[in-house]
Amino acid sequence: MTRGNQREVAREKNLKKLAQAKKPKESGASLAKRKEADAEALRAKQKKKEEDKAAGGAAAAGK
């Protein structure tokens, strides 16, 4: 009952997984910048939606 190359394939897969886990994640500064940019985009989207609603919702009714 031989295992063939199953052991080698599993070893390579595990090494790749461990290497991926060791990669540095986003730093605190870049994470904060991304969160701020996302928040700004959401604020702009909300502002546009409220302006459309205030204008009578004609743009939203066309969908």
Protein backbone atom coordinates (compact mmCIF):
# COMPACT_ATOMS: atom_id res chain seq x y z
CA MET A 1 0.00 0.00 0.00
CA THR A 2 2.02 2.88 -1.29
CA ARG A 3 1.00 6.46 -0.95
CA GLY A 4 2.49 7.66 -4.21
CA ASN A 5 3.23 11.36 -4.20
CA GLN A 6 0.38 12.24 -1.82
CA ARG A 7 2.82 12.99 0.99
CA GLU A 8 4.94 15.32 -1.17
CA VAL A 9 1.89 17.13 -2.52
CA ALA A 10 0.52 17.63 1.00
CA ARG A 11 3.92 18.90 2.19
CA GLU A 12 4.13 21.43 -0.68
CA LYS A 13 0.58 22.58 -0.03
CA ASN A 14 1.32 23.07 3.67
CA LEU A 15 4.52 25.01 2.93
CA LYS A 16 2.61 27.31 0.61
CA LYS A 17 -0.07 27.84 3.27
CA LEU A 18 2.54 28.65 5.93
CA ALA A 19 4.31 31.09 3.60
CA GLN A 20 1.00 32.83 2.91
CA ALA A 21 0.31 33.12 6.65
CA LYS A 22 3.69 34.78 7.27
CA LYS A 23 3.07 37.61 4.79
CA PRO A 24 2.53 40.91 6.56
CA LYS A 25 -1.00 42.15 6.62
CA GLU A 26 -2.00 45.77 6.10
CA SER A 27 -0.26 48.19 8.39
CA GLY A 28 -2.28 50.32 10.76
CA ALA A 29 -1.64 53.47 8.73
CA SER A 30 -2.77 52.03 5.41
CA LEU A 31 -5.76 50.39 7.06
CA ALA A 32 -6.81 53.73 8.55
CA LYS A 33 -6.38 55.45 5.16
CA ARG A 34 -8.51 52.80 3.46
CA LYS A 35 -11.22 53.06 6.12
CA GLU A 36 -11.29 56.85 5.77
CA ALA A 37 -11.51 56.63 1.98
CA ASP A 38 -14.35 54.11 2.24
CA ALA A 39 -16.19 56.28 4.74
CA GLU A 40 -15.81 59.33 2.49
CA ALA A 41 -17.20 57.38 -0.47
CA LEU A 42 -20.19 56.29 1.59
CA ARG A 43 -20.83 59.84 2.80
CA ALA A 44 -20.78 61.10 -0.81
CA LYS A 45 -23.15 58.33 -1.86
CA GLN A 46 -25.55 59.13 0.98
CA LYS A 47 -25.42 62.85 0.15
CA LYS A 48 -26.24 62.16 -3.50
CA LYS A 49 -29.11 59.87 -2.54
CA GLU A 50 -30.56 62.49 -0.19
CA GLU A 51 -30.24 65.18 -2.88
CA ASP A 52 -32.09 62.94 -5.33
CA LYS A 53 -34.77 62.30 -2.71
CA ALA A 54 -35.10 66.02 -2.01
CA ALA A 55 -35.39 66.75 -5.72
CA GLY A 56 -38.44 64.55 -5.94
CA GLY A 57 -36.79 61.21 -6.60
CA ALA A 58 -37.18 61.51 -10.37
CA ALA A 59 -33.84 59.82 -10.97
CA ALA A 60 -34.64 56.94 -8.60
CA ALA A 61 -38.10 56.39 -10.13
CA GLY A 62 -36.60 55.63 -13.53
CA LYS A 63 -34.95 52.40 -12.33
